[in-house]
N, C-alpha and C. Protein backbone atom coordinates (compact mmCIF):
# COMPACT_ATOMS: atom_id res chain seq x y z
N MET A 1 164.91 116.41 78.79
CA MET A 1 164.29 117.71 78.87
C MET A 1 163.07 117.80 77.95
N LEU A 2 163.23 117.34 76.71
CA LEU A 2 162.14 117.35 75.76
C LEU A 2 161.00 116.45 76.24
N ARG A 3 161.38 115.33 76.81
CA ARG A 3 160.37 114.38 77.30
C ARG A 3 159.54 114.99 78.43
N SER A 4 160.17 115.72 79.34
CA SER A 4 159.42 116.33 80.44
C SER A 4 158.51 117.44 79.93
N LYS A 5 158.91 118.15 78.86
CA LYS A 5 158.04 119.18 78.27
C LYS A 5 156.81 118.54 77.64
N ILE A 6 157.02 117.42 76.97
CA ILE A 6 155.88 116.72 76.33
C ILE A 6 154.91 116.22 77.40
N VAL A 7 155.46 115.66 78.47
CA VAL A 7 154.61 115.17 79.57
C VAL A 7 153.84 116.34 80.17
N PHE A 8 154.51 117.48 80.33
CA PHE A 8 153.85 118.67 80.89
C PHE A 8 152.73 119.15 79.98
N ILE A 9 152.97 119.19 78.67
CA ILE A 9 151.95 119.65 77.72
C ILE A 9 150.76 118.70 77.70
N ILE A 10 151.02 117.41 77.69
CA ILE A 10 149.93 116.43 77.70
C ILE A 10 149.14 116.54 79.00
N GLY A 11 149.83 116.67 80.12
CA GLY A 11 149.13 116.82 81.41
C GLY A 11 148.28 118.06 81.43
N THR A 12 148.78 119.16 80.90
CA THR A 12 148.02 120.40 80.85
C THR A 12 146.77 120.24 79.98
N CYS A 13 146.92 119.56 78.86
CA CYS A 13 145.76 119.32 77.98
C CYS A 13 144.70 118.48 78.68
N VAL A 14 145.12 117.47 79.40
CA VAL A 14 144.18 116.61 80.12
C VAL A 14 143.43 117.41 81.18
N VAL A 15 144.15 118.23 81.93
CA VAL A 15 143.51 119.04 82.98
C VAL A 15 142.52 120.02 82.35
N MET A 16 142.90 120.65 81.25
CA MET A 16 142.00 121.61 80.59
C MET A 16 140.77 120.90 80.04
N ALA A 17 140.96 119.70 79.48
CA ALA A 17 139.82 118.96 78.95
C ALA A 17 138.86 118.60 80.07
N CYS A 18 139.38 118.20 81.20
CA CYS A 18 138.52 117.88 82.35
C CYS A 18 137.78 119.12 82.82
N PHE A 19 138.49 120.25 82.89
CA PHE A 19 137.87 121.48 83.35
C PHE A 19 136.77 121.92 82.40
N LEU A 20 137.04 121.88 81.09
CA LEU A 20 136.02 122.28 80.13
C LEU A 20 134.83 121.34 80.15
N GLY A 21 135.08 120.06 80.33
CA GLY A 21 133.98 119.10 80.41
C GLY A 21 133.12 119.38 81.63
N CYS A 22 133.73 119.74 82.75
CA CYS A 22 132.96 120.03 83.97
C CYS A 22 132.11 121.27 83.80
N THR A 23 132.62 122.30 83.12
CA THR A 23 131.82 123.51 82.94
C THR A 23 130.64 123.23 82.04
N LYS A 24 130.81 122.37 81.04
CA LYS A 24 129.69 122.04 80.18
C LYS A 24 128.61 121.32 80.98
N LYS A 25 129.01 120.41 81.85
CA LYS A 25 128.03 119.71 82.68
C LYS A 25 127.30 120.69 83.58
N GLN A 26 128.03 121.65 84.15
CA GLN A 26 127.42 122.63 85.04
C GLN A 26 126.42 123.49 84.28
N GLN A 27 126.78 123.89 83.07
CA GLN A 27 125.87 124.70 82.28
C GLN A 27 124.60 123.93 81.99
N SER A 28 124.70 122.65 81.66
CA SER A 28 123.51 121.88 81.36
C SER A 28 122.65 121.69 82.61
N LEU A 29 123.27 121.57 83.78
CA LEU A 29 122.48 121.47 85.02
C LEU A 29 121.72 122.76 85.28
N GLU A 30 122.39 123.90 85.05
CA GLU A 30 121.72 125.18 85.25
C GLU A 30 120.56 125.34 84.28
N ALA A 31 120.75 124.88 83.06
CA ALA A 31 119.68 124.97 82.06
C ALA A 31 118.50 124.09 82.45
N MET A 32 118.78 122.94 83.06
CA MET A 32 117.70 122.03 83.47
C MET A 32 116.90 122.58 84.63
N GLN A 33 117.47 123.49 85.40
CA GLN A 33 116.78 124.01 86.58
C GLN A 33 115.88 125.20 86.27
N GLN A 34 115.88 125.66 85.02
CA GLN A 34 115.02 126.77 84.63
C GLN A 34 113.59 126.26 84.51
N PRO A 35 112.59 127.09 84.89
CA PRO A 35 111.20 126.66 84.77
C PRO A 35 110.82 126.45 83.30
N MET A 36 109.92 125.49 83.08
CA MET A 36 109.50 125.18 81.72
C MET A 36 108.03 125.57 81.56
N SER A 37 107.70 125.99 80.36
CA SER A 37 106.31 126.35 80.06
C SER A 37 105.52 125.06 79.81
N PRO A 38 104.20 125.13 79.93
CA PRO A 38 103.38 123.93 79.64
C PRO A 38 103.59 123.42 78.22
N GLU A 39 103.84 124.33 77.27
CA GLU A 39 104.07 123.90 75.89
C GLU A 39 105.35 123.06 75.79
N GLU A 40 106.39 123.50 76.49
CA GLU A 40 107.65 122.75 76.47
C GLU A 40 107.47 121.38 77.12
N LEU A 41 106.69 121.35 78.23
CA LEU A 41 106.44 120.07 78.90
C LEU A 41 105.68 119.12 77.98
N ASN A 42 104.66 119.65 77.26
CA ASN A 42 103.92 118.82 76.31
C ASN A 42 104.84 118.28 75.22
N ARG A 43 105.72 119.14 74.70
CA ARG A 43 106.63 118.73 73.64
C ARG A 43 107.53 117.60 74.13
N LEU A 44 108.08 117.75 75.35
CA LEU A 44 108.95 116.72 75.90
C LEU A 44 108.20 115.42 76.15
N ALA A 45 106.96 115.54 76.63
CA ALA A 45 106.15 114.34 76.90
C ALA A 45 105.87 113.59 75.60
N MET A 46 105.57 114.34 74.56
CA MET A 46 105.29 113.68 73.28
C MET A 46 106.54 113.06 72.69
N GLU A 47 107.68 113.73 72.84
CA GLU A 47 108.93 113.16 72.34
C GLU A 47 109.25 111.86 73.05
N SER A 48 109.01 111.82 74.36
CA SER A 48 109.32 110.60 75.11
C SER A 48 108.38 109.47 74.76
N GLN A 49 107.17 109.80 74.26
CA GLN A 49 106.21 108.76 73.88
C GLN A 49 106.21 108.53 72.38
N ASN A 50 107.14 109.18 71.66
CA ASN A 50 107.26 109.07 70.21
C ASN A 50 105.97 109.46 69.49
N ILE A 51 105.34 110.53 69.93
CA ILE A 51 104.12 111.04 69.30
C ILE A 51 104.53 112.18 68.38
N THR A 52 104.08 112.12 67.16
CA THR A 52 104.37 113.21 66.23
C THR A 52 103.07 113.89 65.87
N ILE A 53 103.12 115.20 65.75
CA ILE A 53 101.94 115.98 65.36
C ILE A 53 102.19 116.46 63.94
N PRO A 54 101.23 116.22 63.04
CA PRO A 54 101.42 116.68 61.67
C PRO A 54 101.49 118.21 61.65
N ALA A 55 102.18 118.74 60.65
CA ALA A 55 102.33 120.19 60.54
C ALA A 55 100.96 120.84 60.41
N ALA A 56 100.78 121.97 61.05
CA ALA A 56 99.50 122.68 61.03
C ALA A 56 99.27 123.26 59.63
N LYS A 57 98.02 123.24 59.20
CA LYS A 57 97.67 123.80 57.90
C LYS A 57 97.52 125.31 58.04
N ALA A 58 97.67 126.01 56.96
CA ALA A 58 97.60 127.47 56.98
C ALA A 58 96.20 127.96 57.33
N THR A 59 95.15 127.14 57.16
CA THR A 59 93.78 127.57 57.43
C THR A 59 93.46 127.57 58.91
N LEU A 60 94.31 127.00 59.73
CA LEU A 60 94.09 126.94 61.16
C LEU A 60 94.32 128.31 61.77
N SER A 61 93.33 128.85 62.46
CA SER A 61 93.48 130.21 62.97
C SER A 61 93.84 130.25 64.45
N ALA A 62 93.44 129.26 65.23
CA ALA A 62 93.72 129.27 66.67
C ALA A 62 94.69 128.15 67.00
N PRO A 63 95.57 128.37 67.99
CA PRO A 63 96.47 127.29 68.39
C PRO A 63 95.70 126.15 69.04
N VAL A 64 96.20 124.96 68.87
CA VAL A 64 95.57 123.78 69.44
C VAL A 64 96.17 123.54 70.82
N ALA A 65 95.32 123.43 71.84
CA ALA A 65 95.79 123.17 73.20
C ALA A 65 95.86 121.67 73.42
N LEU A 66 96.98 121.21 73.90
CA LEU A 66 97.16 119.80 74.21
C LEU A 66 96.92 119.59 75.70
N PRO A 67 96.34 118.44 76.07
CA PRO A 67 96.10 118.20 77.50
C PRO A 67 97.40 118.03 78.27
N VAL A 68 97.44 118.60 79.45
CA VAL A 68 98.59 118.48 80.34
C VAL A 68 98.16 117.63 81.53
N LYS A 69 98.95 116.60 81.82
CA LYS A 69 98.62 115.75 82.96
C LYS A 69 98.82 116.54 84.25
N ASN A 70 97.86 116.45 85.15
CA ASN A 70 97.97 117.12 86.45
C ASN A 70 98.51 116.10 87.44
N ILE A 71 99.69 116.34 87.92
CA ILE A 71 100.31 115.42 88.88
C ILE A 71 100.07 115.99 90.27
N SER A 72 99.17 115.38 91.00
CA SER A 72 98.85 115.88 92.33
C SER A 72 99.55 115.08 93.43
N GLU A 73 100.17 113.97 93.07
CA GLU A 73 100.86 113.17 94.08
C GLU A 73 102.18 113.83 94.43
N PRO A 74 102.55 113.81 95.71
CA PRO A 74 103.85 114.40 96.08
C PRO A 74 104.99 113.51 95.58
N LEU A 75 106.10 114.15 95.28
CA LEU A 75 107.27 113.40 94.84
C LEU A 75 107.91 112.69 96.03
N PRO A 76 108.54 111.52 95.80
CA PRO A 76 109.21 110.84 96.91
C PRO A 76 110.41 111.66 97.34
N PRO A 77 110.84 111.49 98.59
CA PRO A 77 112.01 112.25 99.04
C PRO A 77 113.26 111.84 98.28
N ALA A 78 114.16 112.79 98.12
CA ALA A 78 115.41 112.50 97.42
C ALA A 78 116.28 111.59 98.27
N GLY A 79 116.99 110.70 97.63
CA GLY A 79 117.88 109.80 98.35
C GLY A 79 117.15 108.59 98.88
N PRO A 80 117.88 107.75 99.58
CA PRO A 80 117.26 106.52 100.10
C PRO A 80 116.29 106.83 101.23
N TYR A 81 115.31 105.94 101.42
CA TYR A 81 114.31 106.10 102.46
C TYR A 81 114.95 105.90 103.83
N LYS A 82 114.66 106.78 104.75
CA LYS A 82 115.17 106.64 106.11
C LYS A 82 113.96 106.33 107.01
N PRO A 83 113.93 105.15 107.61
CA PRO A 83 112.77 104.77 108.42
C PRO A 83 112.73 105.57 109.73
N THR A 84 111.52 105.74 110.24
CA THR A 84 111.38 106.38 111.54
C THR A 84 111.68 105.34 112.62
N ASN A 85 111.92 105.81 113.83
CA ASN A 85 112.17 104.88 114.93
C ASN A 85 110.96 103.98 115.17
N ALA A 86 109.75 104.54 114.99
CA ALA A 86 108.54 103.74 115.16
C ALA A 86 108.46 102.65 114.09
N ASP A 87 108.89 102.97 112.85
CA ASP A 87 108.92 101.95 111.78
C ASP A 87 109.86 100.82 112.16
N ILE A 88 111.02 101.19 112.69
CA ILE A 88 112.02 100.18 113.08
C ILE A 88 111.46 99.29 114.18
N GLN A 89 110.85 99.92 115.21
CA GLN A 89 110.30 99.13 116.32
C GLN A 89 109.15 98.24 115.84
N THR A 90 108.31 98.76 114.95
CA THR A 90 107.18 97.97 114.43
C THR A 90 107.69 96.76 113.65
N ALA A 91 108.67 96.98 112.78
CA ALA A 91 109.22 95.87 111.98
C ALA A 91 109.89 94.84 112.89
N LEU A 92 110.63 95.31 113.90
CA LEU A 92 111.27 94.37 114.83
C LEU A 92 110.23 93.58 115.61
N GLN A 93 109.15 94.25 116.00
CA GLN A 93 108.08 93.56 116.74
C GLN A 93 107.40 92.52 115.85
N ASN A 94 107.12 92.88 114.59
CA ASN A 94 106.48 91.94 113.67
C ASN A 94 107.40 90.76 113.34
N ALA A 95 108.72 91.00 113.38
CA ALA A 95 109.68 89.93 113.11
C ALA A 95 109.91 89.06 114.35
N GLY A 96 109.39 89.49 115.52
CA GLY A 96 109.51 88.70 116.74
C GLY A 96 110.75 89.00 117.57
N TYR A 97 111.40 90.12 117.33
CA TYR A 97 112.62 90.46 118.07
C TYR A 97 112.41 91.54 119.12
N TYR A 98 111.31 92.28 119.06
CA TYR A 98 111.09 93.39 120.00
C TYR A 98 109.76 93.18 120.71
N LYS A 99 109.81 93.20 122.04
CA LYS A 99 108.60 92.97 122.84
C LYS A 99 108.10 94.22 123.55
N GLY A 100 108.85 95.32 123.49
CA GLY A 100 108.47 96.54 124.19
C GLY A 100 107.37 97.30 123.47
N SER A 101 107.04 98.47 124.03
CA SER A 101 106.01 99.30 123.40
C SER A 101 106.64 100.11 122.28
N ILE A 102 105.85 100.43 121.28
CA ILE A 102 106.33 101.22 120.16
C ILE A 102 106.16 102.69 120.53
N ASP A 103 107.26 103.28 121.01
CA ASP A 103 107.22 104.66 121.49
C ASP A 103 108.06 105.60 120.64
N GLY A 104 108.71 105.09 119.61
CA GLY A 104 109.52 105.93 118.73
C GLY A 104 110.88 106.28 119.30
N LYS A 105 111.26 105.64 120.40
CA LYS A 105 112.57 105.90 121.01
C LYS A 105 113.39 104.62 120.97
N LEU A 106 114.57 104.71 120.39
CA LEU A 106 115.44 103.54 120.30
C LEU A 106 116.32 103.45 121.54
N GLY A 107 115.79 102.76 122.54
CA GLY A 107 116.52 102.58 123.79
C GLY A 107 117.28 101.27 123.79
N PRO A 108 117.68 100.80 124.99
CA PRO A 108 118.46 99.56 125.09
C PRO A 108 117.73 98.33 124.55
N LYS A 109 116.41 98.24 124.80
CA LYS A 109 115.66 97.08 124.30
C LYS A 109 115.63 97.07 122.77
N SER A 110 115.46 98.25 122.20
CA SER A 110 115.43 98.35 120.73
C SER A 110 116.80 97.99 120.16
N LYS A 111 117.86 98.49 120.76
CA LYS A 111 119.22 98.20 120.28
C LYS A 111 119.51 96.71 120.35
N GLN A 112 119.09 96.05 121.45
CA GLN A 112 119.31 94.61 121.59
C GLN A 112 118.53 93.87 120.50
N ALA A 113 117.30 94.32 120.23
CA ALA A 113 116.49 93.67 119.21
C ALA A 113 117.11 93.86 117.83
N ILE A 114 117.64 95.06 117.56
CA ILE A 114 118.30 95.31 116.28
C ILE A 114 119.49 94.39 116.11
N MET A 115 120.32 94.28 117.16
CA MET A 115 121.51 93.43 117.07
C MET A 115 121.13 91.97 116.91
N ALA A 116 120.10 91.52 117.60
CA ALA A 116 119.66 90.12 117.46
C ALA A 116 119.16 89.87 116.03
N PHE A 117 118.40 90.82 115.49
CA PHE A 117 117.91 90.68 114.11
C PHE A 117 119.08 90.65 113.13
N GLN A 118 120.04 91.56 113.31
CA GLN A 118 121.19 91.61 112.42
C GLN A 118 121.97 90.30 112.46
N LYS A 119 122.17 89.77 113.65
CA LYS A 119 122.92 88.52 113.79
C LYS A 119 122.19 87.38 113.11
N ALA A 120 120.86 87.30 113.32
CA ALA A 120 120.06 86.24 112.71
C ALA A 120 119.99 86.38 111.19
N SER A 121 120.13 87.62 110.69
CA SER A 121 120.05 87.86 109.25
C SER A 121 121.41 87.80 108.56
N GLY A 122 122.46 87.48 109.31
CA GLY A 122 123.79 87.38 108.73
C GLY A 122 124.45 88.74 108.48
N LEU A 123 123.98 89.76 109.18
CA LEU A 123 124.55 91.10 109.04
C LEU A 123 125.49 91.38 110.21
N SER A 124 126.29 92.40 110.09
CA SER A 124 127.20 92.80 111.16
C SER A 124 126.38 93.41 112.30
N PRO A 125 126.36 92.80 113.48
CA PRO A 125 125.51 93.29 114.58
C PRO A 125 126.10 94.54 115.25
N ASP A 126 125.78 95.72 114.69
CA ASP A 126 126.29 96.96 115.27
C ASP A 126 125.20 97.76 116.00
N GLY A 127 123.95 97.31 115.93
CA GLY A 127 122.86 97.99 116.63
C GLY A 127 122.35 99.22 115.90
N LYS A 128 122.82 99.46 114.67
CA LYS A 128 122.37 100.60 113.87
C LYS A 128 121.61 100.09 112.67
N VAL A 129 120.55 100.80 112.30
CA VAL A 129 119.75 100.40 111.15
C VAL A 129 120.21 101.22 109.94
N GLY A 130 121.15 100.64 109.20
CA GLY A 130 121.62 101.25 107.96
C GLY A 130 120.85 100.68 106.78
N PRO A 131 121.29 100.99 105.56
CA PRO A 131 120.56 100.52 104.37
C PRO A 131 120.43 99.01 104.28
N LYS A 132 121.49 98.26 104.61
CA LYS A 132 121.42 96.79 104.51
C LYS A 132 120.46 96.21 105.55
N THR A 133 120.55 96.73 106.78
CA THR A 133 119.66 96.24 107.83
C THR A 133 118.22 96.59 107.50
N TRP A 134 117.97 97.82 107.02
CA TRP A 134 116.59 98.22 106.73
C TRP A 134 116.04 97.42 105.56
N LEU A 135 116.89 97.08 104.59
CA LEU A 135 116.43 96.27 103.46
C LEU A 135 115.88 94.94 103.96
N ALA A 136 116.57 94.32 104.91
CA ALA A 136 116.11 93.05 105.46
C ALA A 136 114.95 93.25 106.42
N LEU A 137 114.99 94.32 107.21
CA LEU A 137 113.98 94.55 108.25
C LEU A 137 112.67 95.08 107.68
N SER A 138 112.73 95.85 106.60
CA SER A 138 111.53 96.48 106.05
C SER A 138 110.49 95.47 105.58
N LYS A 139 110.93 94.25 105.31
CA LYS A 139 109.99 93.21 104.89
C LYS A 139 109.01 92.86 106.01
N HIS A 140 109.38 93.21 107.24
CA HIS A 140 108.54 92.89 108.39
C HIS A 140 107.73 94.10 108.87
N LEU A 141 107.73 95.19 108.12
CA LEU A 141 107.02 96.39 108.55
C LEU A 141 105.51 96.14 108.60
N VAL A 142 105.00 95.39 107.64
CA VAL A 142 103.59 95.03 107.64
C VAL A 142 103.47 93.65 108.28
N PRO A 143 102.61 93.51 109.31
CA PRO A 143 102.53 92.21 109.98
C PRO A 143 102.00 91.12 109.05
N ALA A 144 102.46 89.92 109.29
CA ALA A 144 101.98 88.77 108.52
C ALA A 144 100.51 88.53 108.85
N PRO A 145 99.73 88.09 107.87
CA PRO A 145 98.31 87.85 108.14
C PRO A 145 98.14 86.77 109.22
N ALA A 146 97.16 86.99 110.06
CA ALA A 146 96.91 86.04 111.15
C ALA A 146 96.40 84.72 110.58
N GLU A 147 96.73 83.64 111.26
CA GLU A 147 96.27 82.33 110.84
C GLU A 147 94.77 82.23 111.10
N PRO A 148 94.00 81.69 110.17
CA PRO A 148 92.56 81.57 110.41
C PRO A 148 92.30 80.57 111.54
N PRO A 149 91.22 80.77 112.28
CA PRO A 149 90.92 79.83 113.37
C PRO A 149 90.61 78.44 112.82
N ARG A 150 91.03 77.44 113.58
CA ARG A 150 90.76 76.06 113.17
C ARG A 150 89.34 75.69 113.55
N ILE A 151 88.67 75.10 112.62
CA ILE A 151 87.28 74.69 112.85
C ILE A 151 87.25 73.17 112.90
N SER A 152 86.72 72.68 113.99
CA SER A 152 86.66 71.22 114.12
C SER A 152 85.39 70.71 113.42
N PRO A 153 85.44 69.49 112.92
CA PRO A 153 84.28 68.92 112.24
C PRO A 153 83.09 68.83 113.21
N VAL A 154 81.90 68.84 112.62
CA VAL A 154 80.68 68.77 113.43
C VAL A 154 80.65 67.42 114.14
N GLY A 155 80.33 67.44 115.40
CA GLY A 155 80.24 66.23 116.19
C GLY A 155 81.55 65.78 116.78
N ALA A 156 82.63 66.51 116.54
CA ALA A 156 83.92 66.12 117.10
C ALA A 156 83.96 66.49 118.58
N LYS A 157 84.60 65.66 119.36
CA LYS A 157 84.69 65.90 120.79
C LYS A 157 85.81 66.87 121.08
N LYS A 158 85.58 67.79 122.00
CA LYS A 158 86.62 68.74 122.41
C LYS A 158 87.50 68.06 123.42
N ARG A 159 88.77 68.38 123.39
CA ARG A 159 89.72 67.78 124.33
C ARG A 159 89.87 68.63 125.54
């Protein structure tokens, strides 16, 4: 009886510790989602670069403005990249597995090309482009450079 009470008390403590830990994480996430002022952003940027600013002297009358980097590039999408159907067809065509037109529709020819590529790459041929297949296939998204034309020596006879 005493043993079951001890087990119950320990179990209750563990559950409460987990619950309290989760609420702390949630609170910190909510705090991170609040907008930040440019001054706070500058302070964080300097902390991450280990920049220290000496204490301001009493004779300084105006605050010093620090430059803020203007980030005009869009952020990448959250999560893994999902290729378009046209990307898949282009990569398959560059890899030599797809001969059809690139129309952005994954029909029977595209599915056959995907399965052939998967089989040749040692992947499970299911006809779907998941993360593993796209990792192997994405290398073929940009076509290989064309071979330069062969130039025969001057005076050589053509066959």
